[in-house]
């Protein structure tokens, strides 16, 4: 899909979708920018961990927020904002 630079509404929706699902969005103007994007993706893939959690709270239909706290300064956790049970 080719998005015009001025199409900020569509870009905003794609960025929101990516953020809410734990992903990322990239918008480029030239193919020469792909190498930098590939390097970012590769770095992220090499530093991923999977953390599992099972809630002790049963039932309910309300949205449950997810918060990941890191003990080591300078690190960043990328996660979804929450989930519906």
PDB file of N, CA and C in Angstrom:
ATOM      1  N   UNK A   1       0.845  -1.164   0.000  1.00  0.00           N
ATOM      2  CA  UNK A   1       0.000   0.000   0.000  1.00  0.00           C
ATOM      3  C   UNK A   1       0.893   1.230   0.000  1.00  0.00           C
ATOM      4  N   UNK A   2       0.580   2.163  -0.834  1.00  0.00           N
ATOM      5  CA  UNK A   2       1.348   3.389  -0.921  1.00  0.00           C
ATOM      6  C   UNK A   2       0.578   4.499  -0.215  1.00  0.00           C
ATOM      7  N   UNK A   3       1.101   4.975   0.903  1.00  0.00           N
ATOM      8  CA  UNK A   3       0.465   6.057   1.641  1.00  0.00           C
ATOM      9  C   UNK A   3       1.184   7.356   1.346  1.00  0.00           C
ATOM     10  N   UNK A   4       0.429   8.354   1.025  1.00  0.00           N
ATOM     11  CA  UNK A   4       1.019   9.660   0.804  1.00  0.00           C
ATOM     12  C   UNK A   4       1.487  10.221   2.138  1.00  0.00           C
ATOM     13  N   UNK A   5       2.523  11.026   2.109  1.00  0.00           N
ATOM     14  CA  UNK A   5       3.069  11.631   3.320  1.00  0.00           C
ATOM     15  C   UNK A   5       1.988  12.405   4.057  1.00  0.00           C
ATOM     16  N   UNK A   6       1.091  13.035   3.339  1.00  0.00           N
ATOM     17  CA  UNK A   6       0.056  13.849   3.959  1.00  0.00           C
ATOM     18  C   UNK A   6      -1.106  13.033   4.534  1.00  0.00           C
ATOM     19  N   UNK A   7      -1.145  11.743   4.309  1.00  0.00           N
ATOM     20  CA  UNK A   7      -2.249  10.907   4.782  1.00  0.00           C
ATOM     21  C   UNK A   7      -2.021  10.516   6.243  1.00  0.00           C
ATOM     22  N   UNK A   8      -2.048  11.504   7.117  1.00  0.00           N
ATOM     23  CA  UNK A   8      -1.731  11.292   8.530  1.00  0.00           C
ATOM     24  C   UNK A   8      -2.799  10.487   9.264  1.00  0.00           C
ATOM     25  N   UNK A   9      -4.048  10.565   8.825  1.00  0.00           N
ATOM     26  CA  UNK A   9      -5.114   9.827   9.493  1.00  0.00           C
ATOM     27  C   UNK A   9      -4.906   8.317   9.358  1.00  0.00           C
ATOM     28  N   UNK A  10      -4.595   7.859   8.153  1.00  0.00           N
ATOM     29  CA  UNK A  10      -4.364   6.430   7.928  1.00  0.00           C
ATOM     30  C   UNK A  10      -3.101   5.986   8.659  1.00  0.00           C
ATOM     31  N   UNK A  11      -2.055   6.780   8.579  1.00  0.00           N
ATOM     32  CA  UNK A  11      -0.821   6.442   9.302  1.00  0.00           C
ATOM     33  C   UNK A  11      -1.086   6.346  10.803  1.00  0.00           C
ATOM     34  N   UNK A  12      -1.869   7.279  11.320  1.00  0.00           N
ATOM     35  CA  UNK A  12      -2.202   7.253  12.747  1.00  0.00           C
ATOM     36  C   UNK A  12      -2.945   5.996  13.141  1.00  0.00           C
ATOM     37  N   UNK A  13      -3.889   5.564  12.306  1.00  0.00           N
ATOM     38  CA  UNK A  13      -4.636   4.337  12.594  1.00  0.00           C
ATOM     39  C   UNK A  13      -3.712   3.120  12.565  1.00  0.00           C
ATOM     40  N   UNK A  14      -2.810   3.064  11.586  1.00  0.00           N
ATOM     41  CA  UNK A  14      -1.877   1.935  11.501  1.00  0.00           C
ATOM     42  C   UNK A  14      -0.923   1.925  12.689  1.00  0.00           C
ATOM     43  N   UNK A  15      -0.457   3.098  13.102  1.00  0.00           N
ATOM     44  CA  UNK A  15       0.432   3.183  14.262  1.00  0.00           C
ATOM     45  C   UNK A  15      -0.294   2.746  15.530  1.00  0.00           C
ATOM     46  N   UNK A  16      -1.562   3.142  15.671  1.00  0.00           N
ATOM     47  CA  UNK A  16      -2.351   2.743  16.841  1.00  0.00           C
ATOM     48  C   UNK A  16      -2.562   1.235  16.859  1.00  0.00           C
ATOM     49  N   UNK A  17      -2.909   0.657  15.712  1.00  0.00           N
ATOM     50  CA  UNK A  17      -3.098  -0.786  15.620  1.00  0.00           C
ATOM     51  C   UNK A  17      -1.816  -1.521  16.008  1.00  0.00           C
ATOM     52  N   UNK A  18      -0.694  -1.063  15.488  1.00  0.00           N
ATOM     53  CA  UNK A  18       0.582  -1.697  15.809  1.00  0.00           C
ATOM     54  C   UNK A  18       0.883  -1.586  17.297  1.00  0.00           C
ATOM     55  N   UNK A  19       0.703  -0.405  17.874  1.00  0.00           N
ATOM     56  CA  UNK A  19       0.999  -0.177  19.292  1.00  0.00           C
ATOM     57  C   UNK A  19       0.118  -1.056  20.176  1.00  0.00           C
ATOM     58  N   UNK A  20      -1.173  -1.132  19.856  1.00  0.00           N
ATOM     59  CA  UNK A  20      -2.109  -1.890  20.688  1.00  0.00           C
ATOM     60  C   UNK A  20      -1.927  -3.394  20.581  1.00  0.00           C
ATOM     61  N   UNK A  21      -1.253  -3.856  19.567  1.00  0.00           N
ATOM     62  CA  UNK A  21      -1.016  -5.293  19.402  1.00  0.00           C
ATOM     63  C   UNK A  21       0.430  -5.669  19.677  1.00  0.00           C
ATOM     64  N   UNK A  22       1.209  -4.716  20.184  1.00  0.00           N
ATOM     65  CA  UNK A  22       2.595  -4.994  20.528  1.00  0.00           C
ATOM     66  C   UNK A  22       3.532  -4.951  19.339  1.00  0.00           C
ATOM     67  N   UNK A  23       3.095  -4.392  18.256  1.00  0.00           N
ATOM     68  CA  UNK A  23       3.918  -4.335  17.051  1.00  0.00           C
ATOM     69  C   UNK A  23       4.523  -2.972  16.816  1.00  0.00           C
ATOM     70  N   UNK A  24       4.935  -2.736  15.595  1.00  0.00           N
ATOM     71  CA  UNK A  24       5.521  -1.461  15.197  1.00  0.00           C
ATOM     72  C   UNK A  24       5.077  -1.157  13.775  1.00  0.00           C
ATOM     73  N   UNK A  25       5.125   0.106  13.431  1.00  0.00           N
ATOM     74  CA  UNK A  25       4.806   0.502  12.062  1.00  0.00           C
ATOM     75  C   UNK A  25       5.970   1.305  11.504  1.00  0.00           C
ATOM     76  N   UNK A  26       6.225   1.120  10.234  1.00  0.00           N
ATOM     77  CA  UNK A  26       7.328   1.805   9.572  1.00  0.00           C
ATOM     78  C   UNK A  26       6.797   2.428   8.283  1.00  0.00           C
ATOM     79  N   UNK A  27       7.151   3.664   8.062  1.00  0.00           N
ATOM     80  CA  UNK A  27       6.748   4.364   6.849  1.00  0.00           C
ATOM     81  C   UNK A  27       8.002   4.914   6.188  1.00  0.00           C
ATOM     82  N   UNK A  28       8.197   4.567   4.944  1.00  0.00           N
ATOM     83  CA  UNK A  28       9.392   5.013   4.232  1.00  0.00           C
ATOM     84  C   UNK A  28       8.981   5.717   2.944  1.00  0.00           C
ATOM     85  N   UNK A  29       9.902   6.507   2.443  1.00  0.00           N
ATOM     86  CA  UNK A  29       9.678   7.193   1.172  1.00  0.00           C
ATOM     87  C   UNK A  29      10.499   6.587   0.051  1.00  0.00           C
ATOM     88  N   UNK A  30      11.611   5.939   0.414  1.00  0.00           N
ATOM     89  CA  UNK A  30      12.505   5.362  -0.601  1.00  0.00           C
ATOM     90  C   UNK A  30      12.965   3.968  -0.155  1.00  0.00           C
ATOM     91  N   UNK A  31      13.213   3.131  -1.126  1.00  0.00           N
ATOM     92  CA  UNK A  31      13.676   1.768  -0.840  1.00  0.00           C
ATOM     93  C   UNK A  31      15.015   1.767  -0.117  1.00  0.00           C
ATOM     94  N   UNK A  32      15.795   2.822  -0.274  1.00  0.00           N
ATOM     95  CA  UNK A  32      17.089   2.886   0.399  1.00  0.00           C
ATOM     96  C   UNK A  32      16.939   2.962   1.915  1.00  0.00           C
ATOM     97  N   UNK A  33      15.762   3.307   2.405  1.00  0.00           N
ATOM     98  CA  UNK A  33      15.508   3.380   3.840  1.00  0.00           C
ATOM     99  C   UNK A  33      15.235   2.003   4.446  1.00  0.00           C
ATOM    100  N   UNK A  34      15.018   1.013   3.606  1.00  0.00           N
ATOM    101  CA  UNK A  34      14.685  -0.326   4.104  1.00  0.00           C
ATOM    102  C   UNK A  34      15.803  -0.954   4.919  1.00  0.00           C
ATOM    103  N   UNK A  35      17.044  -0.720   4.547  1.00  0.00           N
ATOM    104  CA  UNK A  35      18.155  -1.337   5.274  1.00  0.00           C
ATOM    105  C   UNK A  35      18.125  -0.949   6.754  1.00  0.00           C
ATOM    106  N   UNK A  36      17.874   0.307   7.032  1.00  0.00           N
ATOM    107  CA  UNK A  36      17.808   0.775   8.421  1.00  0.00           C
ATOM    108  C   UNK A  36      16.638   0.105   9.150  1.00  0.00           C
ATOM    109  N   UNK A  37      15.505  -0.019   8.487  1.00  0.00           N
ATOM    110  CA  UNK A  37      14.338  -0.661   9.086  1.00  0.00           C
ATOM    111  C   UNK A  37      14.627  -2.132   9.366  1.00  0.00           C
ATOM    112  N   UNK A  38      15.248  -2.810   8.409  1.00  0.00           N
ATOM    113  CA  UNK A  38      15.604  -4.221   8.607  1.00  0.00           C
ATOM    114  C   UNK A  38      16.542  -4.392   9.790  1.00  0.00           C
ATOM    115  N   UNK A  39      17.490  -3.488   9.964  1.00  0.00           N
ATOM    116  CA  UNK A  39      18.415  -3.552  11.096  1.00  0.00           C
ATOM    117  C   UNK A  39      17.672  -3.386  12.417  1.00  0.00           C
ATOM    118  N   UNK A  40      16.700  -2.488  12.463  1.00  0.00           N
ATOM    119  CA  UNK A  40      15.911  -2.291  13.681  1.00  0.00           C
ATOM    120  C   UNK A  40      15.103  -3.543  14.011  1.00  0.00           C
ATOM    121  N   UNK A  41      14.497  -4.129  12.986  1.00  0.00           N
ATOM    122  CA  UNK A  41      13.701  -5.345  13.191  1.00  0.00           C
ATOM    123  C   UNK A  41      14.597  -6.485  13.654  1.00  0.00           C
ATOM    124  N   UNK A  42      15.753  -6.627  13.027  1.00  0.00           N
ATOM    125  CA  UNK A  42      16.686  -7.685  13.420  1.00  0.00           C
ATOM    126  C   UNK A  42      17.128  -7.519  14.870  1.00  0.00           C
ATOM    127  N   UNK A  43      17.441  -6.304  15.264  1.00  0.00           N
ATOM    128  CA  UNK A  43      17.858  -6.053  16.651  1.00  0.00           C
ATOM    129  C   UNK A  43      16.749  -6.413  17.631  1.00  0.00           C
ATOM    130  N   UNK A  44      15.520  -6.047  17.290  1.00  0.00           N
ATOM    131  CA  UNK A  44      14.407  -6.374  18.166  1.00  0.00           C
ATOM    132  C   UNK A  44      14.179  -7.888  18.256  1.00  0.00           C
ATOM    133  N   UNK A  45      14.250  -8.575  17.124  1.00  0.00           N
ATOM    134  CA  UNK A  45      14.048 -10.025  17.139  1.00  0.00           C
ATOM    135  C   UNK A  45      15.117 -10.746  17.953  1.00  0.00           C
ATOM    136  N   UNK A  46      16.321 -10.236  17.936  1.00  0.00           N
ATOM    137  CA  UNK A  46      17.405 -10.867  18.686  1.00  0.00           C
ATOM    138  C   UNK A  46      17.314 -10.617  20.197  1.00  0.00           C
ATOM    139  N   UNK A  47      16.486  -9.668  20.607  1.00  0.00           N
ATOM    140  CA  UNK A  47      16.418  -9.332  22.036  1.00  0.00           C
ATOM    141  C   UNK A  47      15.046  -9.633  22.640  1.00  0.00           C
ATOM    142  N   UNK A  48      14.273 -10.489  21.998  1.00  0.00           N
ATOM    143  CA  UNK A  48      12.936 -10.791  22.500  1.00  0.00           C
ATOM    144  C   UNK A  48      12.952 -11.906  23.529  1.00  0.00           C
ATOM    145  N   UNK A  49      12.049 -11.773  24.482  1.00  0.00           N
ATOM    146  CA  UNK A  49      11.783 -12.806  25.465  1.00  0.00           C
ATOM    147  C   UNK A  49      10.274 -12.992  25.520  1.00  0.00           C
ATOM    148  N   UNK A  50       9.853 -14.164  25.889  1.00  0.00           N
ATOM    149  CA  UNK A  50       8.432 -14.437  26.049  1.00  0.00           C
ATOM    150  C   UNK A  50       8.166 -14.688  27.522  1.00  0.00           C
ATOM    151  N   UNK A  51       7.260 -13.911  28.091  1.00  0.00           N
ATOM    152  CA  UNK A  51       6.886 -14.057  29.494  1.00  0.00           C
ATOM    153  C   UNK A  51       5.422 -14.479  29.530  1.00  0.00           C
ATOM    154  N   UNK A  52       5.142 -15.544  30.242  1.00  0.00           N
ATOM    155  CA  UNK A  52       3.772 -16.021  30.376  1.00  0.00           C
ATOM    156  C   UNK A  52       3.229 -15.695  31.753  1.00  0.00           C
ATOM    157  N   UNK A  53       1.932 -15.491  31.816  1.00  0.00           N
ATOM    158  CA  UNK A  53       1.279 -15.162  33.082  1.00  0.00           C
ATOM    159  C   UNK A  53      -0.129 -15.726  33.060  1.00  0.00           C
ATOM    160  N   UNK A  54      -0.528 -16.327  34.160  1.00  0.00           N
ATOM    161  CA  UNK A  54      -1.896 -16.811  34.286  1.00  0.00           C
ATOM    162  C   UNK A  54      -2.515 -16.134  35.494  1.00  0.00           C
ATOM    163  N   UNK A  55      -3.587 -15.407  35.269  1.00  0.00           N
ATOM    164  CA  UNK A  55      -4.249 -14.655  36.330  1.00  0.00           C
ATOM    165  C   UNK A  55      -4.923 -15.602  37.315  1.00  0.00           C
ATOM    166  N   UNK A  56      -4.868 -15.220  38.586  1.00  0.00           N
ATOM    167  CA  UNK A  56      -5.571 -15.995  39.607  1.00  0.00           C
ATOM    168  C   UNK A  56      -7.022 -15.533  39.716  1.00  0.00           C
ATOM    169  N   UNK A  57      -7.355 -14.433  39.062  1.00  0.00           N
ATOM    170  CA  UNK A  57      -8.718 -13.911  39.069  1.00  0.00           C
ATOM    171  C   UNK A  57      -9.535 -14.629  38.002  1.00  0.00           C
ATOM    172  N   UNK A  58     -10.607 -15.261  38.419  1.00  0.00           N
ATOM    173  CA  UNK A  58     -11.451 -16.007  37.495  1.00  0.00           C
ATOM    174  C   UNK A  58     -12.582 -15.139  36.965  1.00  0.00           C
ATOM    175  N   UNK A  59     -13.006 -15.439  35.759  1.00  0.00           N
ATOM    176  CA  UNK A  59     -14.169 -14.788  35.181  1.00  0.00           C
ATOM    177  C   UNK A  59     -13.971 -13.317  34.889  1.00  0.00           C
ATOM    178  N   UNK A  60     -15.089 -12.668  34.675  1.00  0.00           N
ATOM    179  CA  UNK A  60     -15.069 -11.246  34.387  1.00  0.00           C
ATOM    180  C   UNK A  60     -14.951 -10.981  32.898  1.00  0.00           C
ATOM    181  N   UNK A  61     -15.388  -9.799  32.512  1.00  0.00           N
ATOM    182  CA  UNK A  61     -15.332  -9.418  31.110  1.00  0.00           C
ATOM    183  C   UNK A  61     -14.613  -8.092  30.926  1.00  0.00           C
ATOM    184  N   UNK A  62     -14.139  -7.502  32.003  1.00  0.00           N
ATOM    185  CA  UNK A  62     -13.496  -6.195  31.937  1.00  0.00           C
ATOM    186  C   UNK A  62     -12.076  -6.304  31.404  1.00  0.00           C
ATOM    187  N   UNK A  63     -11.649  -5.233  30.766  1.00  0.00           N
ATOM    188  CA  UNK A  63     -10.293  -5.130  30.239  1.00  0.00           C
ATOM    189  C   UNK A  63      -9.304  -5.171  31.397  1.00  0.00           C
ATOM    190  N   UNK A  64      -8.255  -5.949  31.257  1.00  0.00           N
ATOM    191  CA  UNK A  64      -7.221  -6.065  32.287  1.00  0.00           C
ATOM    192  C   UNK A  64      -5.923  -5.476  31.747  1.00  0.00           C
ATOM    193  N   UNK A  65      -5.415  -4.484  32.457  1.00  0.00           N
ATOM    194  CA  UNK A  65      -4.181  -3.835  32.032  1.00  0.00           C
ATOM    195  C   UNK A  65      -2.978  -4.725  32.326  1.00  0.00           C
ATOM    196  N   UNK A  66      -1.969  -4.613  31.476  1.00  0.00           N
ATOM    197  CA  UNK A  66      -0.717  -5.340  31.657  1.00  0.00           C
ATOM    198  C   UNK A  66       0.371  -4.315  31.970  1.00  0.00           C
ATOM    199  N   UNK A  67       1.113  -4.546  33.032  1.00  0.00           N
ATOM    200  CA  UNK A  67       2.223  -3.670  33.379  1.00  0.00           C
ATOM    201  C   UNK A  67       3.456  -4.535  33.656  1.00  0.00           C
ATOM    202  N   UNK A  68       4.529  -4.259  32.955  1.00  0.00           N
ATOM    203  CA  UNK A  68       5.779  -4.976  33.151  1.00  0.00           C
ATOM    204  C   UNK A  68       6.791  -3.990  33.716  1.00  0.00           C
ATOM    205  N   UNK A  69       7.325  -4.309  34.886  1.00  0.00           N
ATOM    206  CA  UNK A  69       8.327  -3.456  35.513  1.00  0.00           C
ATOM    207  C   UNK A  69       9.677  -4.154  35.440  1.00  0.00           C
ATOM    208  N   UNK A  70      10.704  -3.392  35.094  1.00  0.00           N
ATOM    209  CA  UNK A  70      12.045  -3.942  34.964  1.00  0.00           C
ATOM    210  C   UNK A  70      12.931  -3.420  36.088  1.00  0.00           C
ATOM    211  N   UNK A  71      13.732  -4.304  36.652  1.00  0.00           N
ATOM    212  CA  UNK A  71      14.600  -3.919  37.761  1.00  0.00           C
ATOM    213  C   UNK A  71      15.874  -3.236  37.286  1.00  0.00           C
ATOM    214  N   UNK A  72      16.258  -3.461  36.050  1.00  0.00           N
ATOM    215  CA  UNK A  72      17.511  -2.903  35.548  1.00  0.00           C
ATOM    216  C   UNK A  72      17.244  -1.615  34.778  1.00  0.00           C
ATOM    217  N   UNK A  73      17.862  -0.506  35.198  1.00  0.00           N
ATOM    218  CA  UNK A  73      17.665   0.765  34.485  1.00  0.00           C
ATOM    219  C   UNK A  73      18.157   0.687  33.040  1.00  0.00           C
ATOM    220  N   UNK A  74      17.474   1.421  32.170  1.00  0.00           N
ATOM    221  CA  UNK A  74      17.881   1.479  30.772  1.00  0.00           C
ATOM    222  C   UNK A  74      17.231   0.440  29.886  1.00  0.00           C
ATOM    223  N   UNK A  75      16.580  -0.544  30.481  1.00  0.00           N
ATOM    224  CA  UNK A  75      15.890  -1.551  29.677  1.00  0.00           C
ATOM    225  C   UNK A  75      14.453  -1.116  29.451  1.00  0.00           C
ATOM    226  N   UNK A  76      13.854  -1.627  28.388  1.00  0.00           N
ATOM    227  CA  UNK A  76      12.489  -1.262  28.031  1.00  0.00           C
ATOM    228  C   UNK A  76      11.730  -2.529  27.674  1.00  0.00           C
ATOM    229  N   UNK A  77      10.538  -2.648  28.219  1.00  0.00           N
ATOM    230  CA  UNK A  77       9.668  -3.779  27.883  1.00  0.00           C
ATOM    231  C   UNK A  77       8.630  -3.321  26.879  1.00  0.00           C
ATOM    232  N   UNK A  78       8.465  -4.086  25.839  1.00  0.00           N
ATOM    233  CA  UNK A  78       7.459  -3.789  24.824  1.00  0.00           C
ATOM    234  C   UNK A  78       6.373  -4.839  24.958  1.00  0.00           C
ATOM    235  N   UNK A  79       5.173  -4.407  25.256  1.00  0.00           N
ATOM    236  CA  UNK A  79       4.089  -5.340  25.498  1.00  0.00           C
ATOM    237  C   UNK A  79       2.766  -4.735  25.057  1.00  0.00           C
ATOM    238  N   UNK A  80       1.742  -5.542  25.087  1.00  0.00           N
ATOM    239  CA  UNK A  80       0.406  -5.038  24.804  1.00  0.00           C
ATOM    240  C   UNK A  80      -0.083  -4.281  26.038  1.00  0.00           C
ATOM    241  N   UNK A  81      -1.016  -3.337  25.874  1.00  0.00           N
ATOM    242  CA  UNK A  81      -1.495  -2.573  27.021  1.00  0.00           C
ATOM    243  C   UNK A  81      -2.393  -3.390  27.958  1.00  0.00           C
ATOM    244  N   UNK A  82      -2.952  -4.481  27.453  1.00  0.00           N
ATOM    245  CA  UNK A  82      -3.826  -5.293  28.274  1.00  0.00           C
ATOM    246  C   UNK A  82      -4.581  -6.304  27.439  1.00  0.00           C
ATOM    247  N   UNK A  83      -5.603  -6.908  28.056  1.00  0.00           N
ATOM    248  CA  UNK A  83      -6.360  -7.947  27.347  1.00  0.00           C
ATOM    249  C   UNK A  83      -7.742  -8.095  27.956  1.00  0.00           C
ATOM    250  N   UNK A  84      -8.624  -8.735  27.240  1.00  0.00           N
ATOM    251  CA  UNK A  84      -9.933  -9.122  27.750  1.00  0.00           C
ATOM    252  C   UNK A  84      -9.899 -10.617  28.024  1.00  0.00           C
ATOM    253  N   UNK A  85     -10.347 -11.036  29.201  1.00  0.00           N
ATOM    254  CA  UNK A  85     -10.295 -12.477  29.516  1.00  0.00           C
ATOM    255  C   UNK A  85     -11.244 -13.292  28.659  1.00  0.00           C
TER     256      UNK A  85
END
